[in-house]
Amino acid sequence: MNNTMERAQDLSLAEADLAKLKEHGQIRHVAKGDALWSEGDRPETLWHVQTGKVNMVITSADGKDSIVHYCTKAQTICLAAAISGKPMPCSAVAATDLVLTAVPRRRFLDLFKALPSFARGIMEQMAGQVCESHRRSALTATSVRDRLADLLGRLHRDFAGRSLPFTRQELANMTGTTVESAIRTLSEWEKEGVIETHRGTITVRQPSALESVAA
């Protein structure tokens, strides 16, 4: 298993509840680049990531894609839509090859009502996503440098200091800037020894330097 997909803050469900979820689901393999659903689709399935990374993408009127969220190992995808039944607010695209548990929405709702600990775990994950959404909205008025520093610092904590499985294009999309601007800032930090880049990954070497920028 790819260790870069493991999170420091493990958002996995309790083992007993996860076993219940898997009883009602099927294992699905999704290739990198394939979509799980498109913006506007009705939620018929709850997806739980076993391995890999999924990007939630919104496409603007001019055709530009923006990554608004991502999910990795032990996370469930777009919980709010699965609970509410409202159309998906974004598309979900496999950023890597994926192994997932696919659970019919009606079965998921039955478990949500019947298992208090399961429901609590789901609500805790949703609360974190809502808070993160509000924080990112507040950052839109800051500079590209500030937004990148904040994002890399958060990802560094999420992945417990391991290499981050994100491309420069993905980081640009997640911070609402052009890839050229992102590359320019990342190159400066690499020269300063703050980060180290490899093909498809970035490693933070000086998290305190990023914190001072984002402060």
N, C-alpha and C. Protein backbone atom coordinates (compact mmCIF):
# COMPACT_ATOMS: atom_id res chain seq x y z
N MET A 1 0.84 -1.19 0.00
CA MET A 1 0.00 0.00 0.00
C MET A 1 0.88 1.25 0.00
N ASN A 2 0.47 2.28 -0.71
CA ASN A 2 1.26 3.50 -0.81
C ASN A 2 1.12 4.30 0.47
N ASN A 3 2.23 4.45 1.21
CA ASN A 3 2.18 5.13 2.48
C ASN A 3 1.81 6.59 2.36
N THR A 4 2.01 7.21 1.19
CA THR A 4 1.68 8.61 1.05
C THR A 4 0.18 8.84 1.13
N MET A 5 -0.61 7.79 1.00
CA MET A 5 -2.05 7.94 1.06
C MET A 5 -2.58 7.86 2.49
N GLU A 6 -1.72 7.58 3.47
CA GLU A 6 -2.17 7.49 4.84
C GLU A 6 -2.20 8.87 5.44
N ARG A 7 -3.18 9.12 6.32
CA ARG A 7 -3.34 10.42 6.94
C ARG A 7 -2.92 10.37 8.40
N ALA A 8 -2.37 11.45 8.92
CA ALA A 8 -2.04 11.51 10.34
C ALA A 8 -3.31 11.54 11.17
N GLN A 9 -4.29 12.31 10.71
CA GLN A 9 -5.56 12.38 11.39
C GLN A 9 -6.48 11.36 10.75
N ASP A 10 -6.45 10.14 11.27
CA ASP A 10 -7.19 9.04 10.67
C ASP A 10 -8.68 9.26 10.86
N LEU A 11 -9.39 9.47 9.77
CA LEU A 11 -10.82 9.73 9.83
C LEU A 11 -11.63 8.47 9.59
N SER A 12 -11.02 7.31 9.78
CA SER A 12 -11.73 6.07 9.54
C SER A 12 -12.81 5.86 10.59
N LEU A 13 -13.83 5.11 10.20
CA LEU A 13 -14.90 4.78 11.11
C LEU A 13 -14.43 3.71 12.08
N ALA A 14 -15.19 3.55 13.19
CA ALA A 14 -14.89 2.47 14.10
C ALA A 14 -14.94 1.15 13.33
N GLU A 15 -14.09 0.22 13.73
CA GLU A 15 -13.98 -1.04 12.98
C GLU A 15 -15.32 -1.74 12.82
N ALA A 16 -16.10 -1.78 13.89
CA ALA A 16 -17.40 -2.47 13.82
C ALA A 16 -18.33 -1.79 12.84
N ASP A 17 -18.33 -0.44 12.85
CA ASP A 17 -19.21 0.30 11.94
C ASP A 17 -18.74 0.18 10.51
N LEU A 18 -17.42 0.18 10.30
CA LEU A 18 -16.88 0.02 8.96
C LEU A 18 -17.23 -1.35 8.40
N ALA A 19 -17.18 -2.36 9.26
CA ALA A 19 -17.56 -3.71 8.83
C ALA A 19 -19.02 -3.74 8.39
N LYS A 20 -19.88 -3.03 9.14
CA LYS A 20 -21.29 -2.96 8.77
C LYS A 20 -21.46 -2.29 7.41
N LEU A 21 -20.71 -1.21 7.21
CA LEU A 21 -20.79 -0.50 5.94
C LEU A 21 -20.38 -1.41 4.79
N LYS A 22 -19.28 -2.15 4.98
CA LYS A 22 -18.78 -3.01 3.92
C LYS A 22 -19.72 -4.18 3.62
N GLU A 23 -20.49 -4.60 4.63
CA GLU A 23 -21.44 -5.68 4.41
C GLU A 23 -22.47 -5.31 3.34
N HIS A 24 -22.77 -4.02 3.25
CA HIS A 24 -23.78 -3.55 2.31
C HIS A 24 -23.18 -2.99 1.02
N GLY A 25 -21.85 -3.07 0.89
CA GLY A 25 -21.21 -2.48 -0.28
C GLY A 25 -20.49 -3.49 -1.14
N GLN A 26 -19.94 -2.97 -2.21
CA GLN A 26 -19.14 -3.76 -3.14
C GLN A 26 -17.81 -3.05 -3.38
N ILE A 27 -16.77 -3.84 -3.59
CA ILE A 27 -15.46 -3.27 -3.91
C ILE A 27 -15.44 -2.82 -5.36
N ARG A 28 -15.01 -1.60 -5.60
CA ARG A 28 -14.91 -1.07 -6.95
C ARG A 28 -13.49 -0.57 -7.19
N HIS A 29 -13.00 -0.79 -8.40
CA HIS A 29 -11.70 -0.28 -8.81
C HIS A 29 -11.94 0.79 -9.88
N VAL A 30 -11.36 1.96 -9.68
CA VAL A 30 -11.55 3.08 -10.61
C VAL A 30 -10.17 3.55 -11.06
N ALA A 31 -10.00 3.69 -12.36
CA ALA A 31 -8.71 4.09 -12.92
C ALA A 31 -8.49 5.60 -12.79
N LYS A 32 -7.24 5.98 -12.67
CA LYS A 32 -6.87 7.40 -12.62
C LYS A 32 -7.46 8.15 -13.80
N GLY A 33 -8.10 9.29 -13.51
CA GLY A 33 -8.69 10.12 -14.55
C GLY A 33 -10.16 9.87 -14.79
N ASP A 34 -10.68 8.73 -14.31
CA ASP A 34 -12.10 8.43 -14.49
C ASP A 34 -12.94 9.16 -13.43
N ALA A 35 -14.17 9.48 -13.79
CA ALA A 35 -15.07 10.19 -12.88
C ALA A 35 -15.97 9.22 -12.13
N LEU A 36 -16.15 9.47 -10.83
CA LEU A 36 -17.12 8.71 -10.06
C LEU A 36 -18.52 9.23 -10.31
N TRP A 37 -18.62 10.55 -10.45
CA TRP A 37 -19.89 11.18 -10.82
C TRP A 37 -19.58 12.56 -11.39
N SER A 38 -20.59 13.19 -11.98
CA SER A 38 -20.45 14.53 -12.54
C SER A 38 -21.32 15.51 -11.77
N GLU A 39 -20.94 16.77 -11.81
CA GLU A 39 -21.70 17.81 -11.14
C GLU A 39 -23.16 17.78 -11.61
N GLY A 40 -24.08 17.79 -10.66
CA GLY A 40 -25.51 17.77 -10.98
C GLY A 40 -26.14 16.39 -10.91
N ASP A 41 -25.31 15.33 -10.84
CA ASP A 41 -25.86 13.97 -10.72
C ASP A 41 -26.53 13.78 -9.37
N ARG A 42 -27.53 12.93 -9.33
CA ARG A 42 -28.18 12.57 -8.08
C ARG A 42 -27.32 11.54 -7.34
N PRO A 43 -27.18 11.67 -6.02
CA PRO A 43 -26.36 10.71 -5.27
C PRO A 43 -27.09 9.39 -5.07
N GLU A 44 -26.62 8.37 -5.75
CA GLU A 44 -27.20 7.04 -5.63
C GLU A 44 -26.30 6.10 -4.83
N THR A 45 -25.03 6.50 -4.65
CA THR A 45 -24.03 5.63 -4.02
C THR A 45 -23.18 6.43 -3.06
N LEU A 46 -22.84 5.83 -1.93
CA LEU A 46 -21.85 6.39 -1.02
C LEU A 46 -20.52 5.70 -1.30
N TRP A 47 -19.47 6.49 -1.46
CA TRP A 47 -18.15 5.95 -1.78
C TRP A 47 -17.22 6.12 -0.59
N HIS A 48 -16.59 5.03 -0.18
CA HIS A 48 -15.62 5.04 0.92
C HIS A 48 -14.26 4.62 0.35
N VAL A 49 -13.26 5.50 0.51
CA VAL A 49 -11.95 5.26 -0.10
C VAL A 49 -11.15 4.25 0.73
N GLN A 50 -10.69 3.21 0.07
CA GLN A 50 -9.77 2.27 0.71
C GLN A 50 -8.33 2.62 0.39
N THR A 51 -8.03 2.87 -0.88
CA THR A 51 -6.71 3.34 -1.28
C THR A 51 -6.87 4.34 -2.42
N GLY A 52 -5.95 5.30 -2.48
CA GLY A 52 -5.96 6.27 -3.57
C GLY A 52 -6.41 7.65 -3.13
N LYS A 53 -6.58 8.53 -4.10
CA LYS A 53 -6.97 9.92 -3.84
C LYS A 53 -8.00 10.37 -4.87
N VAL A 54 -9.04 11.04 -4.40
CA VAL A 54 -10.11 11.56 -5.25
C VAL A 54 -10.14 13.07 -5.13
N ASN A 55 -10.24 13.77 -6.25
CA ASN A 55 -10.39 15.22 -6.25
C ASN A 55 -11.83 15.59 -6.55
N MET A 56 -12.38 16.53 -5.76
CA MET A 56 -13.68 17.12 -6.04
C MET A 56 -13.46 18.39 -6.86
N VAL A 57 -14.06 18.44 -8.02
CA VAL A 57 -13.75 19.48 -9.01
C VAL A 57 -15.01 20.23 -9.42
N ILE A 58 -14.89 21.54 -9.49
CA ILE A 58 -15.95 22.39 -10.03
C ILE A 58 -15.42 23.05 -11.30
N THR A 59 -16.20 23.01 -12.37
CA THR A 59 -15.81 23.60 -13.64
C THR A 59 -16.54 24.92 -13.84
N SER A 60 -15.79 25.99 -14.08
CA SER A 60 -16.39 27.32 -14.27
C SER A 60 -17.00 27.44 -15.66
N ALA A 61 -17.68 28.55 -15.88
CA ALA A 61 -18.34 28.79 -17.16
C ALA A 61 -17.35 28.84 -18.32
N ASP A 62 -16.11 29.24 -18.03
CA ASP A 62 -15.10 29.31 -19.10
C ASP A 62 -14.32 28.01 -19.23
N GLY A 63 -14.77 26.97 -18.53
CA GLY A 63 -14.14 25.65 -18.68
C GLY A 63 -12.96 25.38 -17.78
N LYS A 64 -12.68 26.27 -16.83
CA LYS A 64 -11.55 26.09 -15.93
C LYS A 64 -11.96 25.24 -14.74
N ASP A 65 -11.13 24.21 -14.45
CA ASP A 65 -11.40 23.33 -13.31
C ASP A 65 -10.73 23.86 -12.05
N SER A 66 -11.44 23.77 -10.93
CA SER A 66 -10.89 24.12 -9.62
C SER A 66 -11.12 22.97 -8.67
N ILE A 67 -10.07 22.54 -7.97
CA ILE A 67 -10.19 21.48 -6.98
C ILE A 67 -10.64 22.12 -5.67
N VAL A 68 -11.82 21.74 -5.19
CA VAL A 68 -12.38 22.35 -3.99
C VAL A 68 -12.20 21.46 -2.76
N HIS A 69 -11.87 20.19 -2.97
CA HIS A 69 -11.67 19.28 -1.85
C HIS A 69 -11.01 18.02 -2.38
N TYR A 70 -10.50 17.20 -1.47
CA TYR A 70 -9.96 15.90 -1.87
C TYR A 70 -10.26 14.90 -0.76
N CYS A 71 -10.27 13.63 -1.10
CA CYS A 71 -10.44 12.56 -0.11
C CYS A 71 -9.41 11.48 -0.36
N THR A 72 -8.89 10.92 0.73
CA THR A 72 -7.92 9.84 0.63
C THR A 72 -8.37 8.68 1.50
N LYS A 73 -7.43 7.78 1.77
CA LYS A 73 -7.70 6.56 2.52
C LYS A 73 -8.54 6.83 3.78
N ALA A 74 -9.58 5.98 3.98
CA ALA A 74 -10.43 5.97 5.17
C ALA A 74 -11.44 7.10 5.21
N GLN A 75 -11.62 7.83 4.11
CA GLN A 75 -12.61 8.91 4.08
C GLN A 75 -13.78 8.53 3.17
N THR A 76 -14.94 9.05 3.53
CA THR A 76 -16.12 8.91 2.68
C THR A 76 -16.30 10.21 1.91
N ILE A 77 -16.85 10.09 0.70
CA ILE A 77 -16.84 11.21 -0.24
C ILE A 77 -18.21 11.88 -0.32
N CYS A 78 -18.21 13.20 -0.17
CA CYS A 78 -19.40 14.04 -0.36
C CYS A 78 -20.58 13.54 0.49
N LEU A 79 -20.35 13.51 1.78
CA LEU A 79 -21.34 13.00 2.71
C LEU A 79 -22.63 13.81 2.73
N ALA A 80 -22.50 15.13 2.64
CA ALA A 80 -23.68 15.98 2.74
C ALA A 80 -24.70 15.65 1.65
N ALA A 81 -24.22 15.45 0.42
CA ALA A 81 -25.13 15.12 -0.68
C ALA A 81 -25.75 13.74 -0.47
N ALA A 82 -24.95 12.80 0.05
CA ALA A 82 -25.47 11.45 0.28
C ALA A 82 -26.59 11.47 1.31
N ILE A 83 -26.47 12.34 2.31
CA ILE A 83 -27.50 12.43 3.35
C ILE A 83 -28.71 13.21 2.85
N SER A 84 -28.47 14.33 2.20
CA SER A 84 -29.59 15.20 1.78
C SER A 84 -30.31 14.71 0.54
N GLY A 85 -29.58 13.99 -0.33
CA GLY A 85 -30.18 13.55 -1.58
C GLY A 85 -30.19 14.61 -2.66
N LYS A 86 -29.59 15.77 -2.37
CA LYS A 86 -29.56 16.85 -3.36
C LYS A 86 -28.50 16.56 -4.43
N PRO A 87 -28.61 17.18 -5.62
CA PRO A 87 -27.64 16.94 -6.70
C PRO A 87 -26.21 17.23 -6.25
N MET A 88 -25.29 16.49 -6.79
CA MET A 88 -23.88 16.67 -6.46
C MET A 88 -23.42 18.09 -6.84
N PRO A 89 -22.78 18.80 -5.91
CA PRO A 89 -22.34 20.18 -6.21
C PRO A 89 -21.05 20.25 -7.00
N CYS A 90 -20.41 19.08 -7.23
CA CYS A 90 -19.14 19.06 -7.94
C CYS A 90 -18.98 17.70 -8.60
N SER A 91 -17.94 17.56 -9.39
CA SER A 91 -17.59 16.26 -9.97
C SER A 91 -16.52 15.62 -9.09
N ALA A 92 -16.46 14.30 -9.11
CA ALA A 92 -15.42 13.57 -8.38
C ALA A 92 -14.58 12.80 -9.39
N VAL A 93 -13.28 13.09 -9.41
CA VAL A 93 -12.37 12.52 -10.40
C VAL A 93 -11.23 11.80 -9.68
N ALA A 94 -10.92 10.60 -10.13
CA ALA A 94 -9.83 9.82 -9.53
C ALA A 94 -8.49 10.48 -9.85
N ALA A 95 -7.80 10.96 -8.82
CA ALA A 95 -6.48 11.56 -9.02
C ALA A 95 -5.41 10.48 -9.12
N THR A 96 -5.72 9.29 -8.59
CA THR A 96 -4.86 8.11 -8.71
C THR A 96 -5.78 6.92 -8.97
N ASP A 97 -5.20 5.77 -9.23
CA ASP A 97 -6.01 4.56 -9.26
C ASP A 97 -6.64 4.37 -7.88
N LEU A 98 -7.90 3.93 -7.86
CA LEU A 98 -8.65 3.86 -6.61
C LEU A 98 -9.17 2.46 -6.33
N VAL A 99 -9.25 2.14 -5.03
CA VAL A 99 -10.03 1.02 -4.55
C VAL A 99 -11.04 1.60 -3.56
N LEU A 100 -12.32 1.37 -3.81
CA LEU A 100 -13.36 1.96 -2.98
C LEU A 100 -14.40 0.92 -2.58
N THR A 101 -15.11 1.23 -1.51
CA THR A 101 -16.32 0.49 -1.17
C THR A 101 -17.51 1.32 -1.63
N ALA A 102 -18.35 0.76 -2.47
CA ALA A 102 -19.53 1.45 -2.98
C ALA A 102 -20.76 0.91 -2.26
N VAL A 103 -21.48 1.80 -1.57
CA VAL A 103 -22.65 1.41 -0.78
C VAL A 103 -23.87 2.12 -1.32
N PRO A 104 -24.95 1.41 -1.65
CA PRO A 104 -26.17 2.08 -2.09
C PRO A 104 -26.64 3.11 -1.05
N ARG A 105 -27.06 4.26 -1.52
CA ARG A 105 -27.42 5.34 -0.60
C ARG A 105 -28.49 4.91 0.39
N ARG A 106 -29.47 4.15 -0.04
CA ARG A 106 -30.55 3.76 0.88
C ARG A 106 -30.02 2.90 2.02
N ARG A 107 -29.01 2.05 1.73
CA ARG A 107 -28.41 1.23 2.79
C ARG A 107 -27.61 2.10 3.75
N PHE A 108 -26.91 3.08 3.20
CA PHE A 108 -26.16 4.00 4.03
C PHE A 108 -27.07 4.75 4.99
N LEU A 109 -28.22 5.23 4.51
CA LEU A 109 -29.15 5.96 5.35
C LEU A 109 -29.72 5.07 6.46
N ASP A 110 -29.94 3.80 6.15
CA ASP A 110 -30.40 2.87 7.18
C ASP A 110 -29.37 2.76 8.30
N LEU A 111 -28.09 2.64 7.91
CA LEU A 111 -27.02 2.55 8.91
C LEU A 111 -26.89 3.84 9.70
N PHE A 112 -27.05 4.95 9.04
CA PHE A 112 -26.94 6.26 9.68
C PHE A 112 -27.98 6.40 10.79
N LYS A 113 -29.16 5.87 10.55
CA LYS A 113 -30.24 5.95 11.54
C LYS A 113 -30.08 4.92 12.66
N ALA A 114 -29.52 3.76 12.31
CA ALA A 114 -29.51 2.65 13.26
C ALA A 114 -28.26 2.60 14.15
N LEU A 115 -27.15 3.22 13.73
CA LEU A 115 -25.89 3.11 14.47
C LEU A 115 -25.42 4.48 14.95
N PRO A 116 -25.63 4.81 16.22
CA PRO A 116 -25.24 6.13 16.73
C PRO A 116 -23.76 6.44 16.56
N SER A 117 -22.89 5.47 16.81
CA SER A 117 -21.46 5.74 16.70
C SER A 117 -21.07 5.98 15.24
N PHE A 118 -21.72 5.28 14.33
CA PHE A 118 -21.49 5.49 12.89
C PHE A 118 -21.91 6.91 12.51
N ALA A 119 -23.10 7.31 12.96
CA ALA A 119 -23.60 8.65 12.65
C ALA A 119 -22.69 9.73 13.24
N ARG A 120 -22.19 9.49 14.44
CA ARG A 120 -21.31 10.47 15.08
C ARG A 120 -20.02 10.63 14.29
N GLY A 121 -19.44 9.52 13.84
CA GLY A 121 -18.22 9.60 13.04
C GLY A 121 -18.44 10.35 11.74
N ILE A 122 -19.59 10.11 11.11
CA ILE A 122 -19.93 10.81 9.87
C ILE A 122 -20.06 12.31 10.13
N MET A 123 -20.76 12.69 11.21
CA MET A 123 -20.97 14.09 11.50
C MET A 123 -19.66 14.80 11.84
N GLU A 124 -18.74 14.10 12.52
CA GLU A 124 -17.44 14.69 12.83
C GLU A 124 -16.66 14.98 11.57
N GLN A 125 -16.71 14.06 10.60
CA GLN A 125 -16.01 14.29 9.34
C GLN A 125 -16.62 15.46 8.58
N MET A 126 -17.97 15.53 8.58
CA MET A 126 -18.65 16.62 7.89
C MET A 126 -18.33 17.96 8.53
N ALA A 127 -18.28 18.00 9.87
CA ALA A 127 -17.99 19.25 10.58
C ALA A 127 -16.62 19.77 10.20
N GLY A 128 -15.65 18.86 10.12
CA GLY A 128 -14.30 19.28 9.73
C GLY A 128 -14.27 19.84 8.32
N GLN A 129 -15.04 19.24 7.42
CA GLN A 129 -15.08 19.71 6.03
C GLN A 129 -15.73 21.08 5.93
N VAL A 130 -16.78 21.31 6.74
CA VAL A 130 -17.45 22.62 6.73
C VAL A 130 -16.51 23.71 7.24
N CYS A 131 -15.83 23.42 8.35
CA CYS A 131 -14.89 24.39 8.90
C CYS A 131 -13.77 24.71 7.92
N GLU A 132 -13.27 23.67 7.25
CA GLU A 132 -12.22 23.86 6.27
C GLU A 132 -12.71 24.71 5.10
N SER A 133 -13.95 24.50 4.68
CA SER A 133 -14.53 25.29 3.59
C SER A 133 -14.61 26.76 3.97
N HIS A 134 -15.03 27.04 5.19
CA HIS A 134 -15.11 28.43 5.65
C HIS A 134 -13.73 29.06 5.72
N ARG A 135 -12.74 28.30 6.20
CA ARG A 135 -11.39 28.84 6.31
C ARG A 135 -10.81 29.16 4.95
N ARG A 136 -11.05 28.28 3.97
CA ARG A 136 -10.54 28.51 2.62
C ARG A 136 -11.21 29.71 1.98
N SER A 137 -12.50 29.91 2.27
CA SER A 137 -13.20 31.09 1.73
C SER A 137 -12.56 32.37 2.25
N ALA A 138 -12.18 32.36 3.53
CA ALA A 138 -11.55 33.55 4.11
C ALA A 138 -10.19 33.83 3.50
N LEU A 139 -9.52 32.80 2.97
CA LEU A 139 -8.19 32.97 2.41
C LEU A 139 -8.19 33.52 0.99
N THR A 140 -9.35 33.58 0.35
CA THR A 140 -9.38 33.99 -1.06
C THR A 140 -8.89 35.42 -1.26
N ALA A 141 -8.95 36.24 -0.20
CA ALA A 141 -8.51 37.63 -0.33
C ALA A 141 -7.02 37.79 -0.10
N THR A 142 -6.32 36.71 0.23
CA THR A 142 -4.89 36.79 0.50
C THR A 142 -4.09 36.54 -0.78
N SER A 143 -2.77 36.68 -0.68
CA SER A 143 -1.91 36.51 -1.86
C SER A 143 -1.74 35.03 -2.20
N VAL A 144 -1.26 34.77 -3.42
CA VAL A 144 -0.98 33.39 -3.85
C VAL A 144 0.04 32.75 -2.92
N ARG A 145 1.05 33.51 -2.53
CA ARG A 145 2.10 33.01 -1.65
C ARG A 145 1.51 32.57 -0.31
N ASP A 146 0.61 33.39 0.25
CA ASP A 146 -0.03 33.06 1.52
C ASP A 146 -0.89 31.81 1.39
N ARG A 147 -1.65 31.73 0.30
CA ARG A 147 -2.56 30.59 0.12
C ARG A 147 -1.77 29.29 -0.06
N LEU A 148 -0.69 29.34 -0.82
CA LEU A 148 0.13 28.15 -1.02
C LEU A 148 0.80 27.71 0.28
N ALA A 149 1.29 28.69 1.04
CA ALA A 149 1.93 28.36 2.32
C ALA A 149 0.93 27.72 3.27
N ASP A 150 -0.26 28.26 3.32
CA ASP A 150 -1.30 27.70 4.19
C ASP A 150 -1.67 26.29 3.76
N LEU A 151 -1.85 26.09 2.45
CA LEU A 151 -2.23 24.77 1.93
C LEU A 151 -1.14 23.73 2.20
N LEU A 152 0.11 24.07 1.88
CA LEU A 152 1.19 23.11 2.08
C LEU A 152 1.38 22.79 3.56
N GLY A 153 1.21 23.79 4.42
CA GLY A 153 1.33 23.54 5.85
C GLY A 153 0.25 22.60 6.35
N ARG A 154 -0.97 22.78 5.85
CA ARG A 154 -2.08 21.91 6.26
C ARG A 154 -1.88 20.50 5.73
N LEU A 155 -1.48 20.38 4.47
CA LEU A 155 -1.25 19.05 3.90
C LEU A 155 -0.10 18.34 4.61
N HIS A 156 0.92 19.10 4.98
CA HIS A 156 2.06 18.52 5.70
C HIS A 156 1.58 17.91 7.02
N ARG A 157 0.68 18.59 7.71
CA ARG A 157 0.14 18.05 8.97
C ARG A 157 -0.76 16.86 8.69
N ASP A 158 -1.61 16.96 7.68
CA ASP A 158 -2.54 15.88 7.36
C ASP A 158 -1.82 14.58 7.03
N PHE A 159 -0.71 14.70 6.31
CA PHE A 159 0.04 13.52 5.87
C PHE A 159 1.22 13.21 6.80
N ALA A 160 1.21 13.80 7.98
CA ALA A 160 2.18 13.49 9.04
C ALA A 160 3.63 13.61 8.56
N GLY A 161 3.92 14.62 7.75
CA GLY A 161 5.28 14.87 7.32
C GLY A 161 5.75 14.04 6.14
N ARG A 162 4.90 13.15 5.64
CA ARG A 162 5.30 12.35 4.47
C ARG A 162 5.17 13.18 3.19
N SER A 163 5.69 12.64 2.11
CA SER A 163 5.59 13.32 0.81
C SER A 163 4.13 13.50 0.43
N LEU A 164 3.82 14.63 -0.15
CA LEU A 164 2.45 14.97 -0.50
C LEU A 164 2.16 14.54 -1.94
N PRO A 165 1.15 13.70 -2.15
CA PRO A 165 0.87 13.19 -3.50
C PRO A 165 0.03 14.16 -4.34
N PHE A 166 0.57 15.36 -4.53
CA PHE A 166 -0.14 16.39 -5.29
C PHE A 166 0.81 16.98 -6.32
N THR A 167 0.28 17.21 -7.52
CA THR A 167 1.06 17.84 -8.57
C THR A 167 0.99 19.36 -8.41
N ARG A 168 1.84 20.05 -9.12
CA ARG A 168 1.81 21.51 -9.09
C ARG A 168 0.50 22.05 -9.66
N GLN A 169 -0.02 21.36 -10.67
CA GLN A 169 -1.29 21.76 -11.23
C GLN A 169 -2.41 21.64 -10.21
N GLU A 170 -2.39 20.54 -9.43
CA GLU A 170 -3.42 20.35 -8.41
C GLU A 170 -3.31 21.43 -7.33
N LEU A 171 -2.10 21.75 -6.92
CA LEU A 171 -1.92 22.80 -5.91
C LEU A 171 -2.41 24.15 -6.43
N ALA A 172 -2.15 24.42 -7.70
CA ALA A 172 -2.64 25.66 -8.30
C ALA A 172 -4.16 25.70 -8.29
N ASN A 173 -4.78 24.60 -8.68
CA ASN A 173 -6.24 24.54 -8.68
C ASN A 173 -6.82 24.71 -7.28
N MET A 174 -6.17 24.11 -6.30
CA MET A 174 -6.68 24.15 -4.93
C MET A 174 -6.53 25.53 -4.29
N THR A 175 -5.64 26.36 -4.83
CA THR A 175 -5.44 27.70 -4.29
C THR A 175 -6.00 28.79 -5.21
N GLY A 176 -6.64 28.39 -6.28
CA GLY A 176 -7.29 29.36 -7.17
C GLY A 176 -6.32 30.25 -7.91
N THR A 177 -5.21 29.69 -8.36
CA THR A 177 -4.24 30.49 -9.11
C THR A 177 -3.82 29.73 -10.36
N THR A 178 -2.97 30.35 -11.16
CA THR A 178 -2.47 29.70 -12.36
C THR A 178 -1.31 28.78 -11.99
N VAL A 179 -1.08 27.78 -12.82
CA VAL A 179 0.02 26.87 -12.56
C VAL A 179 1.36 27.61 -12.66
N GLU A 180 1.42 28.63 -13.51
CA GLU A 180 2.66 29.40 -13.65
C GLU A 180 2.99 30.13 -12.34
N SER A 181 1.97 30.73 -11.72
CA SER A 181 2.19 31.43 -10.45
C SER A 181 2.59 30.46 -9.35
N ALA A 182 1.94 29.29 -9.34
CA ALA A 182 2.26 28.28 -8.34
C ALA A 182 3.70 27.79 -8.51
N ILE A 183 4.08 27.50 -9.75
CA ILE A 183 5.43 27.01 -10.02
C ILE A 183 6.47 28.05 -9.60
N ARG A 184 6.19 29.32 -9.87
CA ARG A 184 7.13 30.38 -9.53
C ARG A 184 7.38 30.43 -8.01
N THR A 185 6.31 30.36 -7.25
CA THR A 185 6.45 30.40 -5.79
C THR A 185 7.10 29.13 -5.26
N LEU A 186 6.69 27.98 -5.77
CA LEU A 186 7.27 26.71 -5.33
C LEU A 186 8.75 26.63 -5.65
N SER A 187 9.14 27.16 -6.80
CA SER A 187 10.55 27.14 -7.20
C SER A 187 11.39 27.99 -6.24
N GLU A 188 10.84 29.13 -5.83
CA GLU A 188 11.55 29.98 -4.86
C GLU A 188 11.76 29.23 -3.55
N TRP A 189 10.72 28.55 -3.09
CA TRP A 189 10.82 27.82 -1.82
C TRP A 189 11.76 26.63 -1.93
N GLU A 190 11.82 26.02 -3.12
CA GLU A 190 12.73 24.89 -3.28
C GLU A 190 14.18 25.37 -3.23
N LYS A 191 14.46 26.52 -3.83
CA LYS A 191 15.81 27.09 -3.79
C LYS A 191 16.22 27.44 -2.37
N GLU A 192 15.22 27.82 -1.55
CA GLU A 192 15.49 28.19 -0.16
C GLU A 192 15.53 26.98 0.76
N GLY A 193 15.24 25.80 0.22
CA GLY A 193 15.26 24.59 1.03
C GLY A 193 14.00 24.36 1.85
N VAL A 194 12.97 25.13 1.57
CA VAL A 194 11.71 24.99 2.32
C VAL A 194 10.97 23.72 1.91
N ILE A 195 11.00 23.42 0.61
CA ILE A 195 10.34 22.22 0.09
C ILE A 195 11.29 21.48 -0.84
N GLU A 196 10.90 20.28 -1.19
CA GLU A 196 11.63 19.48 -2.17
C GLU A 196 10.60 18.84 -3.09
N THR A 197 10.76 19.01 -4.38
CA THR A 197 9.78 18.48 -5.33
C THR A 197 10.34 17.29 -6.09
N HIS A 198 9.44 16.36 -6.36
CA HIS A 198 9.73 15.21 -7.21
C HIS A 198 8.56 15.06 -8.17
N ARG A 199 8.66 14.15 -9.07
CA ARG A 199 7.59 13.97 -10.05
C ARG A 199 6.29 13.57 -9.34
N GLY A 200 5.31 14.46 -9.32
CA GLY A 200 4.00 14.16 -8.75
C GLY A 200 3.91 14.27 -7.24
N THR A 201 5.01 14.65 -6.55
CA THR A 201 4.97 14.78 -5.09
C THR A 201 5.78 15.99 -4.65
N ILE A 202 5.46 16.45 -3.44
CA ILE A 202 6.19 17.55 -2.81
C ILE A 202 6.43 17.18 -1.36
N THR A 203 7.64 17.44 -0.86
CA THR A 203 7.98 17.18 0.53
C THR A 203 8.32 18.50 1.20
N VAL A 204 7.69 18.76 2.32
CA VAL A 204 7.96 19.97 3.09
C VAL A 204 9.15 19.70 4.01
N ARG A 205 10.21 20.50 3.87
CA ARG A 205 11.41 20.34 4.69
C ARG A 205 11.47 21.34 5.84
N GLN A 206 10.85 22.50 5.66
CA GLN A 206 10.87 23.52 6.70
C GLN A 206 9.45 24.04 6.95
N PRO A 207 8.64 23.26 7.69
CA PRO A 207 7.25 23.69 7.93
C PRO A 207 7.15 25.02 8.65
N SER A 208 8.14 25.34 9.51
CA SER A 208 8.09 26.60 10.24
C SER A 208 8.19 27.80 9.29
N ALA A 209 8.92 27.62 8.18
CA ALA A 209 9.03 28.72 7.20
C ALA A 209 7.68 28.97 6.53
N LEU A 210 6.93 27.91 6.26
CA LEU A 210 5.60 28.09 5.68
C LEU A 210 4.65 28.73 6.68
N GLU A 211 4.77 28.34 7.94
CA GLU A 211 3.91 28.92 8.97
C GLU A 211 4.14 30.42 9.10
N SER A 212 5.39 30.85 8.98
CA SER A 212 5.68 32.28 9.09
C SER A 212 5.11 33.07 7.92
N VAL A 213 5.04 32.45 6.75
CA VAL A 213 4.45 33.11 5.59
C VAL A 213 2.94 33.21 5.74
N ALA A 214 2.32 32.10 6.19
CA ALA A 214 0.85 32.05 6.28
C ALA A 214 0.30 32.79 7.49
N ALA A 215 1.16 33.11 8.45
CA ALA A 215 0.69 33.75 9.69
C ALA A 215 0.12 35.14 9.42
